Amino acid sequence: MSHVVENSTYEVQELLVRLERNNRVIQRLSKKLCSYTCEPNNPSCFEKLYEIKNKFKVFAKHQKEIMEVLKSRNDESRELDVKIELHLKRFKQLERDIAGYLLDTQKHY
């Protein structure tokens, strides 16, 4: 039984580190989007930037919720696994959206 608890604790710690690392990446990308080099230069870019900023807010909200649950270990169910998987997919999609936006803004210079 002790081995199972240790393994579970290790997995939770590993997951916490991964989520924190993803959050730092998103924060850096958010700062980059606010820099003058990434200013929107056409209506399409303005719309994309607005959508991305909304996705940042959603990402931050879910990040906070998941981190609180993981740290307190209130919910060790399948539901938490699904939330984490969705959050990781959200991270990957946000990265793709930002990359697409950056490519669009650089094309017009």
PDB file of N, CA and C in Angstrom:
ATOM      1  N   MET A   1       0.817  -1.192   0.000  1.00  0.00           N
ATOM      2  CA  MET A   1       0.000   0.000   0.000  1.00  0.00           C
ATOM      3  C   MET A   1       0.867   1.264   0.000  1.00  0.00           C
ATOM      4  N   SER A   2       1.945   1.228   0.729  1.00  0.00           N
ATOM      5  CA  SER A   2       2.841   2.384   0.805  1.00  0.00           C
ATOM      6  C   SER A   2       3.404   2.727  -0.566  1.00  0.00           C
ATOM      7  N   HIS A   3       3.722   1.705  -1.346  1.00  0.00           N
ATOM      8  CA  HIS A   3       4.268   1.910  -2.686  1.00  0.00           C
ATOM      9  C   HIS A   3       3.262   2.646  -3.578  1.00  0.00           C
ATOM     10  N   VAL A   4       1.993   2.287  -3.466  1.00  0.00           N
ATOM     11  CA  VAL A   4       0.950   2.928  -4.270  1.00  0.00           C
ATOM     12  C   VAL A   4       0.830   4.400  -3.900  1.00  0.00           C
ATOM     13  N   VAL A   5       0.870   4.709  -2.616  1.00  0.00           N
ATOM     14  CA  VAL A   5       0.767   6.095  -2.163  1.00  0.00           C
ATOM     15  C   VAL A   5       1.971   6.897  -2.637  1.00  0.00           C
ATOM     16  N   GLU A   6       3.174   6.321  -2.532  1.00  0.00           N
ATOM     17  CA  GLU A   6       4.373   7.017  -2.992  1.00  0.00           C
ATOM     18  C   GLU A   6       4.307   7.274  -4.486  1.00  0.00           C
ATOM     19  N   ASN A   7       3.874   6.295  -5.249  1.00  0.00           N
ATOM     20  CA  ASN A   7       3.761   6.428  -6.694  1.00  0.00           C
ATOM     21  C   ASN A   7       2.753   7.506  -7.055  1.00  0.00           C
ATOM     22  N   SER A   8       1.637   7.512  -6.376  1.00  0.00           N
ATOM     23  CA  SER A   8       0.601   8.515  -6.621  1.00  0.00           C
ATOM     24  C   SER A   8       1.124   9.915  -6.290  1.00  0.00           C
ATOM     25  N   THR A   9       1.835  10.034  -5.186  1.00  0.00           N
ATOM     26  CA  THR A   9       2.401  11.323  -4.793  1.00  0.00           C
ATOM     27  C   THR A   9       3.398  11.799  -5.826  1.00  0.00           C
ATOM     28  N   TYR A  10       4.226  10.894  -6.328  1.00  0.00           N
ATOM     29  CA  TYR A  10       5.206  11.241  -7.346  1.00  0.00           C
ATOM     30  C   TYR A  10       4.509  11.720  -8.613  1.00  0.00           C
ATOM     31  N   GLU A  11       3.455  11.028  -9.026  1.00  0.00           N
ATOM     32  CA  GLU A  11       2.725  11.412 -10.230  1.00  0.00           C
ATOM     33  C   GLU A  11       2.078  12.784 -10.067  1.00  0.00           C
ATOM     34  N   VAL A  12       1.534  13.052  -8.893  1.00  0.00           N
ATOM     35  CA  VAL A  12       0.911  14.352  -8.641  1.00  0.00           C
ATOM     36  C   VAL A  12       1.962  15.447  -8.688  1.00  0.00           C
ATOM     37  N   GLN A  13       3.112  15.202  -8.075  1.00  0.00           N
ATOM     38  CA  GLN A  13       4.188  16.186  -8.094  1.00  0.00           C
ATOM     39  C   GLN A  13       4.665  16.450  -9.521  1.00  0.00           C
ATOM     40  N   GLU A  14       4.793  15.387 -10.295  1.00  0.00           N
ATOM     41  CA  GLU A  14       5.217  15.520 -11.688  1.00  0.00           C
ATOM     42  C   GLU A  14       4.188  16.331 -12.486  1.00  0.00           C
ATOM     43  N   LEU A  15       2.929  16.070 -12.235  1.00  0.00           N
ATOM     44  CA  LEU A  15       1.857  16.784 -12.910  1.00  0.00           C
ATOM     45  C   LEU A  15       1.844  18.259 -12.508  1.00  0.00           C
ATOM     46  N   LEU A  16       2.060  18.535 -11.232  1.00  0.00           N
ATOM     47  CA  LEU A  16       2.124  19.920 -10.766  1.00  0.00           C
ATOM     48  C   LEU A  16       3.255  20.679 -11.460  1.00  0.00           C
ATOM     49  N   VAL A  17       4.397  20.039 -11.584  1.00  0.00           N
ATOM     50  CA  VAL A  17       5.538  20.671 -12.255  1.00  0.00           C
ATOM     51  C   VAL A  17       5.207  20.945 -13.714  1.00  0.00           C
ATOM     52  N   ARG A  18       4.589  19.984 -14.368  1.00  0.00           N
ATOM     53  CA  ARG A  18       4.235  20.159 -15.789  1.00  0.00           C
ATOM     54  C   ARG A  18       3.237  21.301 -15.974  1.00  0.00           C
ATOM     55  N   LEU A  19       2.233  21.350 -15.105  1.00  0.00           N
ATOM     56  CA  LEU A  19       1.235  22.415 -15.209  1.00  0.00           C
ATOM     57  C   LEU A  19       1.854  23.784 -14.931  1.00  0.00           C
ATOM     58  N   GLU A  20       2.747  23.847 -13.959  1.00  0.00           N
ATOM     59  CA  GLU A  20       3.426  25.114 -13.662  1.00  0.00           C
ATOM     60  C   GLU A  20       4.297  25.559 -14.839  1.00  0.00           C
ATOM     61  N   ARG A  21       4.993  24.615 -15.446  1.00  0.00           N
ATOM     62  CA  ARG A  21       5.852  24.931 -16.599  1.00  0.00           C
ATOM     63  C   ARG A  21       4.995  25.452 -17.764  1.00  0.00           C
ATOM     64  N   ASN A  22       3.881  24.787 -18.027  1.00  0.00           N
ATOM     65  CA  ASN A  22       2.981  25.247 -19.089  1.00  0.00           C
ATOM     66  C   ASN A  22       2.454  26.646 -18.778  1.00  0.00           C
ATOM     67  N   ASN A  23       2.138  26.890 -17.529  1.00  0.00           N
ATOM     68  CA  ASN A  23       1.626  28.203 -17.142  1.00  0.00           C
ATOM     69  C   ASN A  23       2.683  29.287 -17.367  1.00  0.00           C
ATOM     70  N   ARG A  24       3.927  28.987 -17.031  1.00  0.00           N
ATOM     71  CA  ARG A  24       5.001  29.977 -17.260  1.00  0.00           C
ATOM     72  C   ARG A  24       5.179  30.259 -18.749  1.00  0.00           C
ATOM     73  N   VAL A  25       5.066  29.223 -19.572  1.00  0.00           N
ATOM     74  CA  VAL A  25       5.171  29.399 -21.034  1.00  0.00           C
ATOM     75  C   VAL A  25       4.061  30.328 -21.517  1.00  0.00           C
ATOM     76  N   ILE A  26       2.851  30.091 -21.053  1.00  0.00           N
ATOM     77  CA  ILE A  26       1.711  30.918 -21.459  1.00  0.00           C
ATOM     78  C   ILE A  26       1.901  32.354 -20.986  1.00  0.00           C
ATOM     79  N   GLN A  27       2.414  32.543 -19.795  1.00  0.00           N
ATOM     80  CA  GLN A  27       2.652  33.905 -19.299  1.00  0.00           C
ATOM     81  C   GLN A  27       3.695  34.632 -20.145  1.00  0.00           C
ATOM     82  N   ARG A  28       4.743  33.939 -20.535  1.00  0.00           N
ATOM     83  CA  ARG A  28       5.760  34.559 -21.399  1.00  0.00           C
ATOM     84  C   ARG A  28       5.177  34.916 -22.760  1.00  0.00           C
ATOM     85  N   LEU A  29       4.370  34.011 -23.304  1.00  0.00           N
ATOM     86  CA  LEU A  29       3.747  34.294 -24.592  1.00  0.00           C
ATOM     87  C   LEU A  29       2.770  35.461 -24.487  1.00  0.00           C
ATOM     88  N   SER A  30       2.096  35.561 -23.378  1.00  0.00           N
ATOM     89  CA  SER A  30       1.178  36.683 -23.162  1.00  0.00           C
ATOM     90  C   SER A  30       1.940  38.007 -23.146  1.00  0.00           C
ATOM     91  N   LYS A  31       3.082  38.024 -22.475  1.00  0.00           N
ATOM     92  CA  LYS A  31       3.906  39.237 -22.460  1.00  0.00           C
ATOM     93  C   LYS A  31       4.389  39.584 -23.864  1.00  0.00           C
ATOM     94  N   LYS A  32       4.758  38.560 -24.616  1.00  0.00           N
ATOM     95  CA  LYS A  32       5.225  38.796 -25.979  1.00  0.00           C
ATOM     96  C   LYS A  32       4.121  39.413 -26.828  1.00  0.00           C
ATOM     97  N   LEU A  33       2.892  38.922 -26.664  1.00  0.00           N
ATOM     98  CA  LEU A  33       1.775  39.469 -27.435  1.00  0.00           C
ATOM     99  C   LEU A  33       1.510  40.931 -27.098  1.00  0.00           C
ATOM    100  N   CYS A  34       1.868  41.337 -25.897  1.00  0.00           N
ATOM    101  CA  CYS A  34       1.646  42.731 -25.489  1.00  0.00           C
ATOM    102  C   CYS A  34       2.775  43.657 -25.945  1.00  0.00           C
ATOM    103  N   SER A  35       3.824  43.093 -26.523  1.00  0.00           N
ATOM    104  CA  SER A  35       4.936  43.932 -26.960  1.00  0.00           C
ATOM    105  C   SER A  35       4.606  44.616 -28.284  1.00  0.00           C
ATOM    106  N   TYR A  36       5.314  45.672 -28.564  1.00  0.00           N
ATOM    107  CA  TYR A  36       5.050  46.444 -29.786  1.00  0.00           C
ATOM    108  C   TYR A  36       5.372  45.648 -31.052  1.00  0.00           C
ATOM    109  N   THR A  37       6.224  44.655 -30.960  1.00  0.00           N
ATOM    110  CA  THR A  37       6.577  43.868 -32.151  1.00  0.00           C
ATOM    111  C   THR A  37       5.449  42.954 -32.612  1.00  0.00           C
ATOM    112  N   CYS A  38       4.457  42.765 -31.755  1.00  0.00           N
ATOM    113  CA  CYS A  38       3.340  41.861 -32.094  1.00  0.00           C
ATOM    114  C   CYS A  38       2.025  42.610 -32.231  1.00  0.00           C
ATOM    115  N   GLU A  39       2.110  43.889 -32.497  1.00  0.00           N
ATOM    116  CA  GLU A  39       0.878  44.663 -32.631  1.00  0.00           C
ATOM    117  C   GLU A  39       0.095  44.198 -33.855  1.00  0.00           C
ATOM    118  N   PRO A  40      -1.234  44.121 -33.717  1.00  0.00           N
ATOM    119  CA  PRO A  40      -2.050  43.736 -34.874  1.00  0.00           C
ATOM    120  C   PRO A  40      -1.988  44.820 -35.940  1.00  0.00           C
ATOM    121  N   ASN A  41      -2.007  44.394 -37.193  1.00  0.00           N
ATOM    122  CA  ASN A  41      -1.872  45.369 -38.274  1.00  0.00           C
ATOM    123  C   ASN A  41      -2.972  45.247 -39.325  1.00  0.00           C
ATOM    124  N   ASN A  42      -3.970  44.428 -39.046  1.00  0.00           N
ATOM    125  CA  ASN A  42      -5.135  44.340 -39.927  1.00  0.00           C
ATOM    126  C   ASN A  42      -6.324  43.833 -39.109  1.00  0.00           C
ATOM    127  N   PRO A  43      -7.528  43.972 -39.615  1.00  0.00           N
ATOM    128  CA  PRO A  43      -8.716  43.568 -38.840  1.00  0.00           C
ATOM    129  C   PRO A  43      -8.696  42.105 -38.394  1.00  0.00           C
ATOM    130  N   SER A  44      -8.184  41.243 -39.226  1.00  0.00           N
ATOM    131  CA  SER A  44      -8.114  39.826 -38.874  1.00  0.00           C
ATOM    132  C   SER A  44      -7.217  39.607 -37.653  1.00  0.00           C
ATOM    133  N   CYS A  45      -6.098  40.305 -37.620  1.00  0.00           N
ATOM    134  CA  CYS A  45      -5.175  40.176 -36.488  1.00  0.00           C
ATOM    135  C   CYS A  45      -5.797  40.720 -35.201  1.00  0.00           C
ATOM    136  N   PHE A  46      -6.566  41.809 -35.307  1.00  0.00           N
ATOM    137  CA  PHE A  46      -7.238  42.347 -34.127  1.00  0.00           C
ATOM    138  C   PHE A  46      -8.205  41.312 -33.553  1.00  0.00           C
ATOM    139  N   GLU A  47      -8.950  40.645 -34.438  1.00  0.00           N
ATOM    140  CA  GLU A  47      -9.897  39.620 -33.991  1.00  0.00           C
ATOM    141  C   GLU A  47      -9.170  38.443 -33.340  1.00  0.00           C
ATOM    142  N   LYS A  48      -8.080  38.003 -33.957  1.00  0.00           N
ATOM    143  CA  LYS A  48      -7.320  36.890 -33.401  1.00  0.00           C
ATOM    144  C   LYS A  48      -6.743  37.247 -32.035  1.00  0.00           C
ATOM    145  N   LEU A  49      -6.230  38.468 -31.919  1.00  0.00           N
ATOM    146  CA  LEU A  49      -5.659  38.898 -30.651  1.00  0.00           C
ATOM    147  C   LEU A  49      -6.728  38.918 -29.563  1.00  0.00           C
ATOM    148  N   TYR A  50      -7.905  39.397 -29.891  1.00  0.00           N
ATOM    149  CA  TYR A  50      -9.005  39.426 -28.937  1.00  0.00           C
ATOM    150  C   TYR A  50      -9.369  38.002 -28.496  1.00  0.00           C
ATOM    151  N   GLU A  51      -9.460  37.087 -29.435  1.00  0.00           N
ATOM    152  CA  GLU A  51      -9.780  35.688 -29.118  1.00  0.00           C
ATOM    153  C   GLU A  51      -8.693  35.069 -28.238  1.00  0.00           C
ATOM    154  N   ILE A  52      -7.448  35.331 -28.568  1.00  0.00           N
ATOM    155  CA  ILE A  52      -6.341  34.767 -27.799  1.00  0.00           C
ATOM    156  C   ILE A  52      -6.351  35.303 -26.371  1.00  0.00           C
ATOM    157  N   LYS A  53      -6.613  36.595 -26.210  1.00  0.00           N
ATOM    158  CA  LYS A  53      -6.658  37.161 -24.862  1.00  0.00           C
ATOM    159  C   LYS A  53      -7.780  36.535 -24.041  1.00  0.00           C
ATOM    160  N   ASN A  54      -8.907  36.249 -24.679  1.00  0.00           N
ATOM    161  CA  ASN A  54      -9.987  35.558 -23.973  1.00  0.00           C
ATOM    162  C   ASN A  54      -9.566  34.142 -23.583  1.00  0.00           C
ATOM    163  N   LYS A  55      -8.839  33.487 -24.477  1.00  0.00           N
ATOM    164  CA  LYS A  55      -8.357  32.137 -24.177  1.00  0.00           C
ATOM    165  C   LYS A  55      -7.352  32.151 -23.030  1.00  0.00           C
ATOM    166  N   PHE A  56      -6.555  33.227 -22.929  1.00  0.00           N
ATOM    167  CA  PHE A  56      -5.636  33.369 -21.798  1.00  0.00           C
ATOM    168  C   PHE A  56      -6.421  33.396 -20.489  1.00  0.00           C
ATOM    169  N   LYS A  57      -7.517  34.138 -20.474  1.00  0.00           N
ATOM    170  CA  LYS A  57      -8.330  34.232 -19.256  1.00  0.00           C
ATOM    171  C   LYS A  57      -8.920  32.882 -18.884  1.00  0.00           C
ATOM    172  N   VAL A  58      -9.437  32.167 -19.862  1.00  0.00           N
ATOM    173  CA  VAL A  58     -10.009  30.840 -19.611  1.00  0.00           C
ATOM    174  C   VAL A  58      -8.927  29.887 -19.125  1.00  0.00           C
ATOM    175  N   PHE A  59      -7.772  29.938 -19.760  1.00  0.00           N
ATOM    176  CA  PHE A  59      -6.660  29.074 -19.378  1.00  0.00           C
ATOM    177  C   PHE A  59      -6.255  29.345 -17.927  1.00  0.00           C
ATOM    178  N   ALA A  60      -6.119  30.612 -17.569  1.00  0.00           N
ATOM    179  CA  ALA A  60      -5.712  30.980 -16.213  1.00  0.00           C
ATOM    180  C   ALA A  60      -6.735  30.509 -15.180  1.00  0.00           C
ATOM    181  N   LYS A  61      -8.006  30.644 -15.503  1.00  0.00           N
ATOM    182  CA  LYS A  61      -9.058  30.212 -14.578  1.00  0.00           C
ATOM    183  C   LYS A  61      -8.984  28.702 -14.346  1.00  0.00           C
ATOM    184  N   HIS A  62      -8.859  27.939 -15.410  1.00  0.00           N
ATOM    185  CA  HIS A  62      -8.783  26.488 -15.278  1.00  0.00           C
ATOM    186  C   HIS A  62      -7.476  26.064 -14.602  1.00  0.00           C
ATOM    187  N   GLN A  63      -6.401  26.749 -14.894  1.00  0.00           N
ATOM    188  CA  GLN A  63      -5.113  26.450 -14.257  1.00  0.00           C
ATOM    189  C   GLN A  63      -5.246  26.592 -12.747  1.00  0.00           C
ATOM    190  N   LYS A  64      -5.835  27.676 -12.319  1.00  0.00           N
ATOM    191  CA  LYS A  64      -5.987  27.930 -10.889  1.00  0.00           C
ATOM    192  C   LYS A  64      -6.846  26.859 -10.231  1.00  0.00           C
ATOM    193  N   GLU A  65      -7.964  26.517 -10.862  1.00  0.00           N
ATOM    194  CA  GLU A  65      -8.860  25.493 -10.308  1.00  0.00           C
ATOM    195  C   GLU A  65      -8.159  24.145 -10.171  1.00  0.00           C
ATOM    196  N   ILE A  66      -7.475  23.736 -11.216  1.00  0.00           N
ATOM    197  CA  ILE A  66      -6.813  22.429 -11.205  1.00  0.00           C
ATOM    198  C   ILE A  66      -5.691  22.399 -10.177  1.00  0.00           C
ATOM    199  N   MET A  67      -4.916  23.454 -10.099  1.00  0.00           N
ATOM    200  CA  MET A  67      -3.811  23.498  -9.133  1.00  0.00           C
ATOM    201  C   MET A  67      -4.342  23.427  -7.701  1.00  0.00           C
ATOM    202  N   GLU A  68      -5.429  24.108  -7.425  1.00  0.00           N
ATOM    203  CA  GLU A  68      -6.006  24.053  -6.078  1.00  0.00           C
ATOM    204  C   GLU A  68      -6.470  22.642  -5.741  1.00  0.00           C
ATOM    205  N   VAL A  69      -7.120  21.987  -6.691  1.00  0.00           N
ATOM    206  CA  VAL A  69      -7.601  20.625  -6.455  1.00  0.00           C
ATOM    207  C   VAL A  69      -6.427  19.671  -6.263  1.00  0.00           C
ATOM    208  N   LEU A  70      -5.395  19.800  -7.084  1.00  0.00           N
ATOM    209  CA  LEU A  70      -4.242  18.912  -6.966  1.00  0.00           C
ATOM    210  C   LEU A  70      -3.501  19.118  -5.649  1.00  0.00           C
ATOM    211  N   LYS A  71      -3.355  20.359  -5.249  1.00  0.00           N
ATOM    212  CA  LYS A  71      -2.624  20.633  -4.003  1.00  0.00           C
ATOM    213  C   LYS A  71      -3.401  20.166  -2.780  1.00  0.00           C
ATOM    214  N   SER A  72      -4.715  20.293  -2.831  1.00  0.00           N
ATOM    215  CA  SER A  72      -5.525  19.875  -1.681  1.00  0.00           C
ATOM    216  C   SER A  72      -5.924  18.406  -1.768  1.00  0.00           C
ATOM    217  N   ARG A  73      -5.823  17.845  -2.955  1.00  0.00           N
ATOM    218  CA  ARG A  73      -6.173  16.439  -3.213  1.00  0.00           C
ATOM    219  C   ARG A  73      -7.607  16.127  -2.798  1.00  0.00           C
ATOM    220  N   ASN A  74      -8.503  17.043  -3.078  1.00  0.00           N
ATOM    221  CA  ASN A  74      -9.916  16.835  -2.751  1.00  0.00           C
ATOM    222  C   ASN A  74     -10.601  15.892  -3.717  1.00  0.00           C
ATOM    223  N   ASP A  75     -10.144  15.878  -4.959  1.00  0.00           N
ATOM    224  CA  ASP A  75     -10.849  15.111  -5.988  1.00  0.00           C
ATOM    225  C   ASP A  75      -9.854  14.244  -6.741  1.00  0.00           C
ATOM    226  N   GLU A  76      -9.774  12.993  -6.379  1.00  0.00           N
ATOM    227  CA  GLU A  76      -8.847  12.072  -7.037  1.00  0.00           C
ATOM    228  C   GLU A  76      -9.602  11.136  -7.969  1.00  0.00           C
ATOM    229  N   SER A  77     -10.590  11.639  -8.612  1.00  0.00           N
ATOM    230  CA  SER A  77     -11.456  10.799  -9.429  1.00  0.00           C
ATOM    231  C   SER A  77     -11.108  10.906 -10.909  1.00  0.00           C
ATOM    232  N   ARG A  78     -11.856  10.186 -11.676  1.00  0.00           N
ATOM    233  CA  ARG A  78     -11.717  10.213 -13.139  1.00  0.00           C
ATOM    234  C   ARG A  78     -12.049  11.601 -13.674  1.00  0.00           C
ATOM    235  N   GLU A  79     -12.936  12.312 -12.985  1.00  0.00           N
ATOM    236  CA  GLU A  79     -13.322  13.660 -13.416  1.00  0.00           C
ATOM    237  C   GLU A  79     -12.113  14.601 -13.442  1.00  0.00           C
ATOM    238  N   LEU A  80     -11.252  14.481 -12.454  1.00  0.00           N
ATOM    239  CA  LEU A  80     -10.050  15.316 -12.417  1.00  0.00           C
ATOM    240  C   LEU A  80      -9.140  14.970 -13.592  1.00  0.00           C
ATOM    241  N   ASP A  81      -9.002  13.704 -13.903  1.00  0.00           N
ATOM    242  CA  ASP A  81      -8.183  13.284 -15.041  1.00  0.00           C
ATOM    243  C   ASP A  81      -8.682  13.919 -16.336  1.00  0.00           C
ATOM    244  N   VAL A  82      -9.996  13.939 -16.499  1.00  0.00           N
ATOM    245  CA  VAL A  82     -10.590  14.529 -17.706  1.00  0.00           C
ATOM    246  C   VAL A  82     -10.318  16.030 -17.742  1.00  0.00           C
ATOM    247  N   LYS A  83     -10.453  16.697 -16.593  1.00  0.00           N
ATOM    248  CA  LYS A  83     -10.182  18.143 -16.530  1.00  0.00           C
ATOM    249  C   LYS A  83      -8.735  18.438 -16.906  1.00  0.00           C
ATOM    250  N   ILE A  84      -7.832  17.622 -16.412  1.00  0.00           N
ATOM    251  CA  ILE A  84      -6.408  17.835 -16.692  1.00  0.00           C
ATOM    252  C   ILE A  84      -6.115  17.600 -18.168  1.00  0.00           C
ATOM    253  N   GLU A  85      -6.684  16.548 -18.732  1.00  0.00           N
ATOM    254  CA  GLU A  85      -6.482  16.283 -20.160  1.00  0.00           C
ATOM    255  C   GLU A  85      -7.001  17.440 -21.012  1.00  0.00           C
ATOM    256  N   LEU A  86      -8.176  17.938 -20.680  1.00  0.00           N
ATOM    257  CA  LEU A  86      -8.730  19.083 -21.414  1.00  0.00           C
ATOM    258  C   LEU A  86      -7.843  20.313 -21.259  1.00  0.00           C
ATOM    259  N   HIS A  87      -7.309  20.503 -20.065  1.00  0.00           N
ATOM    260  CA  HIS A  87      -6.449  21.662 -19.829  1.00  0.00           C
ATOM    261  C   HIS A  87      -5.161  21.567 -20.652  1.00  0.00           C
ATOM    262  N   LEU A  88      -4.596  20.384 -20.725  1.00  0.00           N
ATOM    263  CA  LEU A  88      -3.382  20.199 -21.520  1.00  0.00           C
ATOM    264  C   LEU A  88      -3.669  20.398 -23.008  1.00  0.00           C
ATOM    265  N   LYS A  89      -4.839  19.958 -23.468  1.00  0.00           N
ATOM    266  CA  LYS A  89      -5.234  20.209 -24.862  1.00  0.00           C
ATOM    267  C   LYS A  89      -5.432  21.701 -25.095  1.00  0.00           C
ATOM    268  N   ARG A  90      -6.007  22.380 -24.109  1.00  0.00           N
ATOM    269  CA  ARG A  90      -6.205  23.830 -24.193  1.00  0.00           C
ATOM    270  C   ARG A  90      -4.846  24.530 -24.333  1.00  0.00           C
ATOM    271  N   PHE A  91      -3.860  24.059 -23.586  1.00  0.00           N
ATOM    272  CA  PHE A  91      -2.514  24.622 -23.654  1.00  0.00           C
ATOM    273  C   PHE A  91      -1.934  24.472 -25.057  1.00  0.00           C
ATOM    274  N   LYS A  92      -2.034  23.286 -25.613  1.00  0.00           N
ATOM    275  CA  LYS A  92      -1.489  23.038 -26.953  1.00  0.00           C
ATOM    276  C   LYS A  92      -2.200  23.888 -28.000  1.00  0.00           C
ATOM    277  N   GLN A  93      -3.524  24.000 -27.888  1.00  0.00           N
ATOM    278  CA  GLN A  93      -4.281  24.806 -28.841  1.00  0.00           C
ATOM    279  C   GLN A  93      -3.906  26.279 -28.717  1.00  0.00           C
ATOM    280  N   LEU A  94      -3.733  26.744 -27.508  1.00  0.00           N
ATOM    281  CA  LEU A  94      -3.348  28.141 -27.300  1.00  0.00           C
ATOM    282  C   LEU A  94      -1.973  28.415 -27.884  1.00  0.00           C
ATOM    283  N   GLU A  95      -1.060  27.496 -27.734  1.00  0.00           N
ATOM    284  CA  GLU A  95       0.264  27.642 -28.351  1.00  0.00           C
ATOM    285  C   GLU A  95       0.149  27.746 -29.873  1.00  0.00           C
ATOM    286  N   ARG A  96      -0.678  26.888 -30.464  1.00  0.00           N
ATOM    287  CA  ARG A  96      -0.870  26.933 -31.920  1.00  0.00           C
ATOM    288  C   ARG A  96      -1.503  28.254 -32.351  1.00  0.00           C
ATOM    289  N   ASP A  97      -2.497  28.720 -31.599  1.00  0.00           N
ATOM    290  CA  ASP A  97      -3.153  29.987 -31.925  1.00  0.00           C
ATOM    291  C   ASP A  97      -2.173  31.149 -31.870  1.00  0.00           C
ATOM    292  N   ILE A  98      -1.337  31.160 -30.872  1.00  0.00           N
ATOM    293  CA  ILE A  98      -0.349  32.236 -30.725  1.00  0.00           C
ATOM    294  C   ILE A  98       0.661  32.184 -31.865  1.00  0.00           C
ATOM    295  N   ALA A  99       1.131  30.990 -32.197  1.00  0.00           N
ATOM    296  CA  ALA A  99       2.081  30.845 -33.304  1.00  0.00           C
ATOM    297  C   ALA A  99       1.467  31.343 -34.602  1.00  0.00           C
ATOM    298  N   GLY A 100       0.213  30.994 -34.841  1.00  0.00           N
ATOM    299  CA  GLY A 100      -0.472  31.463 -36.048  1.00  0.00           C
ATOM    300  C   GLY A 100      -0.609  32.970 -36.062  1.00  0.00           C
ATOM    301  N   TYR A 101      -0.948  33.544 -34.927  1.00  0.00           N
ATOM    302  CA  TYR A 101      -1.077  35.000 -34.832  1.00  0.00           C
ATOM    303  C   TYR A 101       0.271  35.679 -35.099  1.00  0.00           C
ATOM    304  N   LEU A 102       1.324  35.157 -34.481  1.00  0.00           N
ATOM    305  CA  LEU A 102       2.654  35.753 -34.679  1.00  0.00           C
ATOM    306  C   LEU A 102       3.083  35.668 -36.135  1.00  0.00           C
ATOM    307  N   LEU A 103       2.790  34.562 -36.779  1.00  0.00           N
ATOM    308  CA  LEU A 103       3.119  34.440 -38.204  1.00  0.00           C
ATOM    309  C   LEU A 103       2.327  35.444 -39.032  1.00  0.00           C
ATOM    310  N   ASP A 104       1.047  35.641 -38.713  1.00  0.00           N
ATOM    311  CA  ASP A 104       0.227  36.601 -39.429  1.00  0.00           C
ATOM    312  C   ASP A 104       0.727  38.030 -39.270  1.00  0.00           C
ATOM    313  N   THR A 105       1.155  38.387 -38.069  1.00  0.00           N
ATOM    314  CA  THR A 105       1.628  39.758 -37.851  1.00  0.00           C
ATOM    315  C   THR A 105       2.982  39.990 -38.520  1.00  0.00           C
ATOM    316  N   GLN A 106       3.796  38.964 -38.595  1.00  0.00           N
ATOM    317  CA  GLN A 106       5.105  39.101 -39.226  1.00  0.00           C
ATOM    318  C   GLN A 106       5.001  39.137 -40.737  1.00  0.00           C
ATOM    319  N   LYS A 107       3.979  38.516 -41.308  1.00  0.00           N
ATOM    320  CA  LYS A 107       3.805  38.497 -42.761  1.00  0.00           C
ATOM    321  C   LYS A 107       3.589  39.877 -43.337  1.00  0.00           C
ATOM    322  N   HIS A 108       2.957  40.723 -42.585  1.00  0.00           N
ATOM    323  CA  HIS A 108       2.558  42.024 -43.098  1.00  0.00           C
ATOM    324  C   HIS A 108       3.628  43.101 -42.952  1.00  0.00           C
ATOM    325  N   TYR A 109       4.774  42.751 -42.423  1.00  0.00           N
ATOM    326  CA  TYR A 109       5.838  43.758 -42.283  1.00  0.00           C
ATOM    327  C   TYR A 109       6.730  43.781 -43.482  1.00  0.00           C
TER     328      TYR A 109
END
